[in-house]
Amino acid sequence: MKVRILAPAVAIMASLALAPAASAWAPASTAAIHPGVQTITGGAQCTANFVYQGGATYLGQAAHCSGTGGSTETNGCDSGSLPEGTPVDIQGSDGNVYRGTMVYNSWIRMQAAHETDAETCQYNDLALIQLNSADVAKTNPSVPGWGGPTGVGSEGDTLADTYSYGNSSLRGGVTFLSPKQGKVVERSPGGWSTDVYTVTPGIPGDSGSGFLNATGQAAGVLSTVAIAPLAGSNGVGDLPRELAWAGAHGFSISVVNGTEPFQTNLATAIGSQLGF
């Protein structure tokens, strides 16, 4: 679920240009753009998941972050969305706001392709924001607190560990609540979605945030905040399937591995947000 924001608080930085593949990244400790930063699309706030490359450099968010309907409209094959080409504000960790453009949206692409598979329609929830070429040098692909990703893979079996980083504005900037650790509850029959419980749970505004599996692979994208039947759980779209679908429909991209090693200690992850 996204959070509606009236306006960004600081000035917009730069215009969009084609971003070449990056040969070097900003240090993780000082990068302005990275997984977990807030994104604003049409006034709605979400959380970025991972950094991607494929002819340009992209930041991922959920497709529904640009949705034009109500919070109950979650089927990407019949829900409205702002168009590809929509500008997206990226709230950098340096206090500046950077401008990107949404160039891929799975909801829009599924409707154009006349997708009919029920699970694909419900859970294929990925959008990509192309970064300005000048902003790639201010970017790092590491997940705050946890490090990684170490590749791409699905979430594990029931009770497997999972890790995420949410950045909802509803937390009021209390960043030590952002790293989340949890367990897999169950997978959907077709494998397109996984229900997870985390401490703390994902809340509105965390939508789009990335999930790492037990080995640090980029595994999923936060899509839903559940009320029933598993109250307090989160629905996480399966990233390998989302990437495969995008590639089969004309948009091939890959997740960029983090420069920081993956680690699984929650206290360490929280401490990193407090400067320890």
C-alpha atoms as a PDB file:
ATOM      1  CA  MET A   1       0.000   0.000   0.000  1.00  0.00           C
ATOM      2  CA  LYS A   2       1.281   3.427  -0.936  1.00  0.00           C
ATOM      3  CA  VAL A   3       1.068   6.630   1.110  1.00  0.00           C
ATOM      4  CA  ARG A   4      -0.280   9.779  -0.535  1.00  0.00           C
ATOM      5  CA  ILE A   5       2.067  12.777  -0.202  1.00  0.00           C
ATOM      6  CA  LEU A   6       1.027  16.336  -1.006  1.00  0.00           C
ATOM      7  CA  ALA A   7       4.417  17.618  -2.223  1.00  0.00           C
ATOM      8  CA  PRO A   8       8.153  16.915  -1.887  1.00  0.00           C
ATOM      9  CA  ALA A   9       9.906  18.962   0.779  1.00  0.00           C
ATOM     10  CA  VAL A  10      13.031  19.970  -1.116  1.00  0.00           C
ATOM     11  CA  ALA A  11      14.057  21.049  -4.589  1.00  0.00           C
ATOM     12  CA  ILE A  12      14.078  18.734  -7.590  1.00  0.00           C
ATOM     13  CA  MET A  13      17.569  17.848  -8.819  1.00  0.00           C
ATOM     14  CA  ALA A  14      18.367  17.417 -12.533  1.00  0.00           C
ATOM     15  CA  SER A  15      16.460  16.101 -15.542  1.00  0.00           C
ATOM     16  CA  LEU A  16      16.321  12.617 -17.038  1.00  0.00           C
ATOM     17  CA  ALA A  17      19.004  11.401 -19.422  1.00  0.00           C
ATOM     18  CA  LEU A  18      20.018   7.957 -20.601  1.00  0.00           C
ATOM     19  CA  ALA A  19      22.167   6.344 -17.887  1.00  0.00           C
ATOM     20  CA  PRO A  20      25.086   4.253 -19.095  1.00  0.00           C
ATOM     21  CA  ALA A  21      26.086   1.109 -17.257  1.00  0.00           C
ATOM     22  CA  ALA A  22      27.928   2.116 -14.103  1.00  0.00           C
ATOM     23  CA  SER A  23      31.483   0.825 -13.641  1.00  0.00           C
ATOM     24  CA  ALA A  24      31.707   2.110 -10.085  1.00  0.00           C
ATOM     25  CA  TRP A  25      29.235   2.997  -7.370  1.00  0.00           C
ATOM     26  CA  ALA A  26      29.185   5.608  -4.659  1.00  0.00           C
ATOM     27  CA  PRO A  27      30.267   4.287  -1.233  1.00  0.00           C
ATOM     28  CA  ALA A  28      27.334   2.664   0.541  1.00  0.00           C
ATOM     29  CA  SER A  29      27.826   4.937   3.565  1.00  0.00           C
ATOM     30  CA  THR A  30      27.418   8.156   1.565  1.00  0.00           C
ATOM     31  CA  ALA A  31      25.276   7.184  -1.450  1.00  0.00           C
ATOM     32  CA  ALA A  32      22.253   9.434  -1.926  1.00  0.00           C
ATOM     33  CA  ILE A  33      20.283   6.842  -3.932  1.00  0.00           C
ATOM     34  CA  HIS A  34      20.042   3.200  -2.868  1.00  0.00           C
ATOM     35  CA  PRO A  35      17.508   0.477  -2.072  1.00  0.00           C
ATOM     36  CA  GLY A  36      15.140   1.701   0.620  1.00  0.00           C
ATOM     37  CA  VAL A  37      14.914   5.376  -0.356  1.00  0.00           C
ATOM     38  CA  GLN A  38      11.448   6.879  -0.665  1.00  0.00           C
ATOM     39  CA  THR A  39       9.917   7.419  -4.096  1.00  0.00           C
ATOM     40  CA  ILE A  40       7.019   9.769  -4.900  1.00  0.00           C
ATOM     41  CA  THR A  41       4.872   9.036  -7.961  1.00  0.00           C
ATOM     42  CA  GLY A  42       1.901  11.299  -8.617  1.00  0.00           C
ATOM     43  CA  GLY A  43       1.908  12.302  -4.953  1.00  0.00           C
ATOM     44  CA  ALA A  44       2.053   8.711  -3.623  1.00  0.00           C
ATOM     45  CA  GLN A  45       4.993   7.579  -1.490  1.00  0.00           C
ATOM     46  CA  CYS A  46       6.519   4.115  -1.743  1.00  0.00           C
ATOM     47  CA  THR A  47       9.883   2.490  -0.958  1.00  0.00           C
ATOM     48  CA  ALA A  48      12.487   1.504  -3.566  1.00  0.00           C
ATOM     49  CA  ASN A  49      13.565  -2.146  -3.695  1.00  0.00           C
ATOM     50  CA  PHE A  50      16.748  -2.816  -5.715  1.00  0.00           C
ATOM     51  CA  VAL A  51      19.036  -1.256  -8.330  1.00  0.00           C
ATOM     52  CA  TYR A  52      18.812  -2.747 -11.831  1.00  0.00           C
ATOM     53  CA  GLN A  53      20.726  -2.436 -15.091  1.00  0.00           C
ATOM     54  CA  GLY A  54      19.922  -3.243 -18.698  1.00  0.00           C
ATOM     55  CA  GLY A  55      20.940  -0.531 -21.138  1.00  0.00           C
ATOM     56  CA  ALA A  56      20.433   2.047 -18.382  1.00  0.00           C
ATOM     57  CA  THR A  57      20.372   2.121 -14.567  1.00  0.00           C
ATOM     58  CA  TYR A  58      17.064   1.805 -12.768  1.00  0.00           C
ATOM     59  CA  LEU A  59      15.581   1.885  -9.282  1.00  0.00           C
ATOM     60  CA  GLY A  60      12.693  -0.487  -8.630  1.00  0.00           C
ATOM     61  CA  GLN A  61       9.348   0.179  -6.972  1.00  0.00           C
ATOM     62  CA  ALA A  62       5.938  -1.539  -7.020  1.00  0.00           C
ATOM     63  CA  ALA A  63       3.743  -1.082 -10.086  1.00  0.00           C
ATOM     64  CA  HIS A  64       0.822  -0.157  -7.854  1.00  0.00           C
ATOM     65  CA  CYS A  65       2.758   2.875  -6.570  1.00  0.00           C
ATOM     66  CA  SER A  66       1.491   4.662  -9.686  1.00  0.00           C
ATOM     67  CA  GLY A  67      -2.023   3.233  -9.406  1.00  0.00           C
ATOM     68  CA  THR A  68      -4.901   5.629  -9.991  1.00  0.00           C
ATOM     69  CA  GLY A  69      -7.618   3.614  -8.235  1.00  0.00           C
ATOM     70  CA  GLY A  70      -8.364   2.824  -4.609  1.00  0.00           C
ATOM     71  CA  SER A  71      -6.280   0.702  -2.248  1.00  0.00           C
ATOM     72  CA  THR A  72      -8.457  -2.344  -2.971  1.00  0.00           C
ATOM     73  CA  GLU A  73      -7.648  -2.249  -6.697  1.00  0.00           C
ATOM     74  CA  THR A  74      -4.721  -4.666  -6.738  1.00  0.00           C
ATOM     75  CA  ASN A  75      -5.286  -6.685  -9.913  1.00  0.00           C
ATOM     76  CA  GLY A  76      -2.779  -5.372 -12.419  1.00  0.00           C
ATOM     77  CA  CYS A  77      -4.755  -6.617 -15.398  1.00  0.00           C
ATOM     78  CA  ASP A  78      -7.713  -4.321 -14.775  1.00  0.00           C
ATOM     79  CA  SER A  79      -6.460  -1.543 -12.432  1.00  0.00           C
ATOM     80  CA  GLY A  80      -5.628   1.951 -13.632  1.00  0.00           C
ATOM     81  CA  SER A  81      -2.130   3.437 -13.534  1.00  0.00           C
ATOM     82  CA  LEU A  82      -0.331   6.602 -14.449  1.00  0.00           C
ATOM     83  CA  PRO A  83       1.423   6.040 -17.805  1.00  0.00           C
ATOM     84  CA  GLU A  84       4.980   5.001 -18.459  1.00  0.00           C
ATOM     85  CA  GLY A  85       6.969   8.213 -18.833  1.00  0.00           C
ATOM     86  CA  THR A  86       5.556   9.608 -15.581  1.00  0.00           C
ATOM     87  CA  PRO A  87       8.201  11.521 -13.556  1.00  0.00           C
ATOM     88  CA  VAL A  88       9.137  10.077 -10.168  1.00  0.00           C
ATOM     89  CA  ASP A  89      10.784  12.007  -7.337  1.00  0.00           C
ATOM     90  CA  ILE A  90      13.475  10.075  -5.461  1.00  0.00           C
ATOM     91  CA  GLN A  91      14.095  11.366  -1.953  1.00  0.00           C
ATOM     92  CA  GLY A  92      17.836  10.955  -1.547  1.00  0.00           C
ATOM     93  CA  SER A  93      19.408  10.178   1.809  1.00  0.00           C
ATOM     94  CA  ASP A  94      21.468  13.363   1.386  1.00  0.00           C
ATOM     95  CA  GLY A  95      18.314  15.489   1.749  1.00  0.00           C
ATOM     96  CA  ASN A  96      17.969  16.260  -1.964  1.00  0.00           C
ATOM     97  CA  VAL A  97      15.198  15.084  -4.254  1.00  0.00           C
ATOM     98  CA  TYR A  98      16.271  13.558  -7.567  1.00  0.00           C
ATOM     99  CA  ARG A  99      14.129  13.153 -10.663  1.00  0.00           C
ATOM    100  CA  GLY A 100      13.700   9.858 -12.505  1.00  0.00           C
ATOM    101  CA  THR A 101      11.145   8.537 -14.965  1.00  0.00           C
ATOM    102  CA  MET A 102       8.976   5.423 -14.704  1.00  0.00           C
ATOM    103  CA  VAL A 103       9.842   3.576 -17.909  1.00  0.00           C
ATOM    104  CA  TYR A 104       8.403   0.131 -17.121  1.00  0.00           C
ATOM    105  CA  ASN A 105       5.216  -0.794 -15.284  1.00  0.00           C
ATOM    106  CA  SER A 106       4.045  -4.415 -15.154  1.00  0.00           C
ATOM    107  CA  TRP A 107       0.390  -3.405 -14.823  1.00  0.00           C
ATOM    108  CA  ILE A 108       0.496  -1.363 -18.020  1.00  0.00           C
ATOM    109  CA  ARG A 109       2.454  -4.050 -19.875  1.00  0.00           C
ATOM    110  CA  MET A 110       0.097  -6.849 -18.742  1.00  0.00           C
ATOM    111  CA  GLN A 111      -2.928  -4.958 -19.993  1.00  0.00           C
ATOM    112  CA  ALA A 112      -1.218  -4.315 -23.338  1.00  0.00           C
ATOM    113  CA  ALA A 113      -0.309  -8.022 -23.583  1.00  0.00           C
ATOM    114  CA  HIS A 114      -3.840  -9.121 -22.578  1.00  0.00           C
ATOM    115  CA  GLU A 115      -2.442 -11.250 -19.742  1.00  0.00           C
ATOM    116  CA  THR A 116      -5.061 -13.675 -18.382  1.00  0.00           C
ATOM    117  CA  ASP A 117      -3.274 -15.814 -15.783  1.00  0.00           C
ATOM    118  CA  ALA A 118      -4.934 -15.011 -12.457  1.00  0.00           C
ATOM    119  CA  GLU A 119      -1.790 -15.161 -10.283  1.00  0.00           C
ATOM    120  CA  THR A 120       0.275 -13.168 -12.751  1.00  0.00           C
ATOM    121  CA  CYS A 121      -2.409 -10.478 -12.889  1.00  0.00           C
ATOM    122  CA  GLN A 122      -2.665 -10.303  -9.108  1.00  0.00           C
ATOM    123  CA  TYR A 123       0.997 -10.444  -8.104  1.00  0.00           C
ATOM    124  CA  ASN A 124       3.148  -9.157 -10.997  1.00  0.00           C
ATOM    125  CA  ASP A 125       3.760  -5.788  -9.321  1.00  0.00           C
ATOM    126  CA  LEU A 126       7.042  -4.244 -10.497  1.00  0.00           C
ATOM    127  CA  ALA A 127       7.927  -0.826 -11.905  1.00  0.00           C
ATOM    128  CA  LEU A 128      11.300   0.614 -12.899  1.00  0.00           C
ATOM    129  CA  ILE A 129      12.488   4.201 -12.529  1.00  0.00           C
ATOM    130  CA  GLN A 130      15.261   5.208 -14.934  1.00  0.00           C
ATOM    131  CA  LEU A 131      17.927   7.275 -13.211  1.00  0.00           C
ATOM    132  CA  ASN A 132      19.538  10.372 -14.655  1.00  0.00           C
ATOM    133  CA  SER A 133      23.046   9.532 -15.878  1.00  0.00           C
ATOM    134  CA  ALA A 134      24.583  12.120 -13.534  1.00  0.00           C
ATOM    135  CA  ASP A 135      22.843  10.484 -10.577  1.00  0.00           C
ATOM    136  CA  VAL A 136      24.260   6.997 -11.150  1.00  0.00           C
ATOM    137  CA  ALA A 137      27.532   8.139  -9.536  1.00  0.00           C
ATOM    138  CA  LYS A 138      25.523   8.994  -6.402  1.00  0.00           C
ATOM    139  CA  THR A 139      23.975   5.511  -6.265  1.00  0.00           C
ATOM    140  CA  ASN A 140      24.871   2.314  -4.414  1.00  0.00           C
ATOM    141  CA  PRO A 141      23.000  -1.013  -4.853  1.00  0.00           C
ATOM    142  CA  SER A 142      23.464  -2.304  -1.276  1.00  0.00           C
ATOM    143  CA  VAL A 143      20.436  -2.822   0.986  1.00  0.00           C
ATOM    144  CA  PRO A 144      20.803  -0.674   4.143  1.00  0.00           C
ATOM    145  CA  GLY A 145      21.537  -2.671   7.272  1.00  0.00           C
ATOM    146  CA  TRP A 146      21.543  -6.075   5.622  1.00  0.00           C
ATOM    147  CA  GLY A 147      23.956  -5.651   2.718  1.00  0.00           C
ATOM    148  CA  GLY A 148      23.551  -7.646  -0.465  1.00  0.00           C
ATOM    149  CA  PRO A 149      21.794  -8.556  -2.639  1.00  0.00           C
ATOM    150  CA  THR A 150      23.927 -11.560  -3.558  1.00  0.00           C
ATOM    151  CA  GLY A 151      21.979 -12.493  -6.694  1.00  0.00           C
ATOM    152  CA  VAL A 152      18.346 -13.300  -7.460  1.00  0.00           C
ATOM    153  CA  GLY A 153      16.266 -16.166  -6.060  1.00  0.00           C
ATOM    154  CA  SER A 154      12.831 -16.914  -4.653  1.00  0.00           C
ATOM    155  CA  GLU A 155      11.907 -16.871  -0.980  1.00  0.00           C
ATOM    156  CA  GLY A 156      12.528 -20.123   0.859  1.00  0.00           C
ATOM    157  CA  ASP A 157      10.090 -22.681   2.209  1.00  0.00           C
ATOM    158  CA  THR A 158       7.777 -22.192   5.190  1.00  0.00           C
ATOM    159  CA  LEU A 159       9.617 -20.743   8.233  1.00  0.00           C
ATOM    160  CA  ALA A 160      12.636 -19.756   6.130  1.00  0.00           C
ATOM    161  CA  ASP A 161      14.225 -16.440   7.112  1.00  0.00           C
ATOM    162  CA  THR A 162      13.539 -13.264   5.148  1.00  0.00           C
ATOM    163  CA  TYR A 163      14.917  -9.720   5.432  1.00  0.00           C
ATOM    164  CA  SER A 164      13.647  -6.338   4.280  1.00  0.00           C
ATOM    165  CA  TYR A 165      14.019  -2.586   4.683  1.00  0.00           C
ATOM    166  CA  GLY A 166      10.951  -0.327   4.759  1.00  0.00           C
ATOM    167  CA  ASN A 167      10.996   3.460   4.647  1.00  0.00           C
ATOM    168  CA  SER A 168       7.415   4.593   5.088  1.00  0.00           C
ATOM    169  CA  SER A 169       6.927   8.271   5.920  1.00  0.00           C
ATOM    170  CA  LEU A 170       4.480   7.062   8.595  1.00  0.00           C
ATOM    171  CA  ARG A 171       7.505   6.132  10.729  1.00  0.00           C
ATOM    172  CA  GLY A 172       8.351   9.805  10.970  1.00  0.00           C
ATOM    173  CA  GLY A 173      11.997   9.304  10.090  1.00  0.00           C
ATOM    174  CA  VAL A 174      12.653   6.743  12.852  1.00  0.00           C
ATOM    175  CA  THR A 175      15.104   4.738  10.762  1.00  0.00           C
ATOM    176  CA  PHE A 176      16.001   2.073  13.341  1.00  0.00           C
ATOM    177  CA  LEU A 177      12.504   0.632  12.700  1.00  0.00           C
ATOM    178  CA  SER A 178      13.269   0.260   8.985  1.00  0.00           C
ATOM    179  CA  PRO A 179      15.296  -3.013   8.959  1.00  0.00           C
ATOM    180  CA  LYS A 180      12.895  -5.947   9.255  1.00  0.00           C
ATOM    181  CA  GLN A 181      13.547  -9.641   9.818  1.00  0.00           C
ATOM    182  CA  GLY A 182      10.908 -12.342   9.562  1.00  0.00           C
ATOM    183  CA  LYS A 183       9.708 -15.736   8.420  1.00  0.00           C
ATOM    184  CA  VAL A 184       8.024 -17.136   5.344  1.00  0.00           C
ATOM    185  CA  VAL A 185       4.459 -18.289   6.103  1.00  0.00           C
ATOM    186  CA  GLU A 186       3.243 -19.738   2.824  1.00  0.00           C
ATOM    187  CA  ARG A 187       3.506 -19.420  -0.952  1.00  0.00           C
ATOM    188  CA  SER A 188       0.658 -18.973  -3.393  1.00  0.00           C
ATOM    189  CA  PRO A 189      -0.231 -22.094  -5.417  1.00  0.00           C
ATOM    190  CA  GLY A 190       1.399 -20.730  -8.565  1.00  0.00           C
ATOM    191  CA  GLY A 191       4.461 -19.407  -6.744  1.00  0.00           C
ATOM    192  CA  TRP A 192       3.899 -15.772  -7.714  1.00  0.00           C
ATOM    193  CA  SER A 193       3.526 -14.503  -4.129  1.00  0.00           C
ATOM    194  CA  THR A 194       4.747 -15.321  -0.618  1.00  0.00           C
ATOM    195  CA  ASP A 195       3.086 -14.348   2.656  1.00  0.00           C
ATOM    196  CA  VAL A 196       5.613 -13.334   5.313  1.00  0.00           C
ATOM    197  CA  TYR A 197       5.592 -12.096   8.888  1.00  0.00           C
ATOM    198  CA  THR A 198       8.284  -9.598   9.892  1.00  0.00           C
ATOM    199  CA  VAL A 199       9.233  -7.584  12.966  1.00  0.00           C
ATOM    200  CA  THR A 200       8.141  -4.879  12.450  1.00  0.00           C
ATOM    201  CA  PRO A 201       5.517  -5.601   9.762  1.00  0.00           C
ATOM    202  CA  GLY A 202       5.453  -3.634   6.532  1.00  0.00           C
ATOM    203  CA  ILE A 203       3.063  -0.684   6.680  1.00  0.00           C
ATOM    204  CA  PRO A 204       1.561   1.656   4.052  1.00  0.00           C
ATOM    205  CA  GLY A 205       4.439   3.495   2.395  1.00  0.00           C
ATOM    206  CA  ASP A 206       6.705   0.416   2.576  1.00  0.00           C
ATOM    207  CA  SER A 207       5.127  -0.834  -0.674  1.00  0.00           C
ATOM    208  CA  GLY A 208       7.717  -1.701  -3.273  1.00  0.00           C
ATOM    209  CA  SER A 209      10.469  -2.417  -0.747  1.00  0.00           C
ATOM    210  CA  GLY A 210      12.719  -5.362  -1.493  1.00  0.00           C
ATOM    211  CA  PHE A 211      12.945  -8.673   0.341  1.00  0.00           C
ATOM    212  CA  LEU A 212      16.099 -10.768   0.633  1.00  0.00           C
ATOM    213  CA  ASN A 213      15.932 -14.510   1.188  1.00  0.00           C
ATOM    214  CA  ALA A 214      18.015 -16.433   3.730  1.00  0.00           C
ATOM    215  CA  THR A 215      21.128 -16.318   1.524  1.00  0.00           C
ATOM    216  CA  GLY A 216      20.797 -12.627   0.661  1.00  0.00           C
ATOM    217  CA  GLN A 217      19.345 -13.033  -2.812  1.00  0.00           C
ATOM    218  CA  ALA A 218      16.890 -10.428  -4.093  1.00  0.00           C
ATOM    219  CA  ALA A 219      13.699 -12.443  -3.687  1.00  0.00           C
ATOM    220  CA  GLY A 220      10.655 -10.208  -3.762  1.00  0.00           C
ATOM    221  CA  VAL A 221       8.834  -6.904  -3.766  1.00  0.00           C
ATOM    222  CA  LEU A 222       6.381  -5.885  -1.044  1.00  0.00           C
ATOM    223  CA  SER A 223       2.978  -5.727  -2.699  1.00  0.00           C
ATOM    224  CA  THR A 224       0.258  -5.951  -0.037  1.00  0.00           C
ATOM    225  CA  VAL A 225      -0.374  -5.282   3.636  1.00  0.00           C
ATOM    226  CA  ALA A 226      -2.759  -8.057   4.669  1.00  0.00           C
ATOM    227  CA  ILE A 227      -5.789  -7.714   6.937  1.00  0.00           C
ATOM    228  CA  ALA A 228      -7.205 -11.195   6.287  1.00  0.00           C
ATOM    229  CA  PRO A 229      -6.766 -14.107   6.407  1.00  0.00           C
ATOM    230  CA  LEU A 230      -3.260 -13.539   7.841  1.00  0.00           C
ATOM    231  CA  ALA A 231      -3.629 -10.236   9.671  1.00  0.00           C
ATOM    232  CA  GLY A 232      -0.405  -8.277   9.928  1.00  0.00           C
ATOM    233  CA  SER A 233       1.337 -10.314   7.256  1.00  0.00           C
ATOM    234  CA  ASN A 234       2.726  -8.954   4.006  1.00  0.00           C
ATOM    235  CA  GLY A 235       2.332 -10.258   0.468  1.00  0.00           C
ATOM    236  CA  VAL A 236       5.655 -10.340  -1.384  1.00  0.00           C
ATOM    237  CA  GLY A 237       5.715 -10.732  -5.167  1.00  0.00           C
ATOM    238  CA  ASP A 238       8.220 -13.264  -6.530  1.00  0.00           C
ATOM    239  CA  LEU A 239      11.007 -11.218  -8.136  1.00  0.00           C
ATOM    240  CA  PRO A 240      12.443 -13.995 -10.370  1.00  0.00           C
ATOM    241  CA  ARG A 241       9.020 -14.399 -11.984  1.00  0.00           C
ATOM    242  CA  GLU A 242       8.543 -10.647 -12.303  1.00  0.00           C
ATOM    243  CA  LEU A 243      11.906 -10.265 -14.018  1.00  0.00           C
ATOM    244  CA  ALA A 244      11.248 -13.225 -16.318  1.00  0.00           C
ATOM    245  CA  TRP A 245       7.869 -11.770 -17.319  1.00  0.00           C
ATOM    246  CA  ALA A 246       9.441  -8.379 -18.039  1.00  0.00           C
ATOM    247  CA  GLY A 247      12.150  -9.997 -20.176  1.00  0.00           C
ATOM    248  CA  ALA A 248       9.584 -11.977 -22.148  1.00  0.00           C
ATOM    249  CA  HIS A 249       7.720  -8.747 -22.880  1.00  0.00           C
ATOM    250  CA  GLY A 250      10.527  -6.589 -24.157  1.00  0.00           C
ATOM    251  CA  PHE A 251      12.229  -5.245 -21.024  1.00  0.00           C
ATOM    252  CA  SER A 252      15.238  -7.323 -19.961  1.00  0.00           C
ATOM    253  CA  ILE A 253      17.005  -6.131 -16.833  1.00  0.00           C
ATOM    254  CA  SER A 254      19.111  -7.659 -14.057  1.00  0.00           C
ATOM    255  CA  VAL A 255      19.517  -6.919 -10.359  1.00  0.00           C
ATOM    256  CA  VAL A 256      22.829  -5.307  -9.380  1.00  0.00           C
ATOM    257  CA  ASN A 257      24.559  -7.076  -6.497  1.00  0.00           C
ATOM    258  CA  GLY A 258      25.388  -5.031  -3.409  1.00  0.00           C
ATOM    259  CA  THR A 259      28.883  -3.817  -2.668  1.00  0.00           C
ATOM    260  CA  GLU A 260      28.394  -4.579   1.045  1.00  0.00           C
ATOM    261  CA  PRO A 261      28.440  -8.192   2.336  1.00  0.00           C
ATOM    262  CA  PHE A 262      25.123  -9.729   3.332  1.00  0.00           C
ATOM    263  CA  GLN A 263      24.667 -10.207   7.090  1.00  0.00           C
ATOM    264  CA  THR A 264      21.707 -11.478   9.121  1.00  0.00           C
ATOM    265  CA  ASN A 265      22.039  -9.927  12.583  1.00  0.00           C
ATOM    266  CA  LEU A 266      19.067  -7.625  13.311  1.00  0.00           C
ATOM    267  CA  ALA A 267      20.950  -5.730  16.035  1.00  0.00           C
ATOM    268  CA  THR A 268      23.746  -5.007  13.559  1.00  0.00           C
ATOM    269  CA  ALA A 269      21.231  -3.862  10.956  1.00  0.00           C
ATOM    270  CA  ILE A 270      19.531  -1.536  13.438  1.00  0.00           C
ATOM    271  CA  GLY A 271      22.875  -0.268  14.729  1.00  0.00           C
ATOM    272  CA  SER A 272      23.939   0.669  11.216  1.00  0.00           C
ATOM    273  CA  GLN A 273      20.918   2.959  10.998  1.00  0.00           C
ATOM    274  CA  LEU A 274      21.865   4.608  14.289  1.00  0.00           C
ATOM    275  CA  GLY A 275      25.455   5.179  13.205  1.00  0.00           C
ATOM    276  CA  PHE A 276      26.956   2.469  15.437  1.00  0.00           C
END
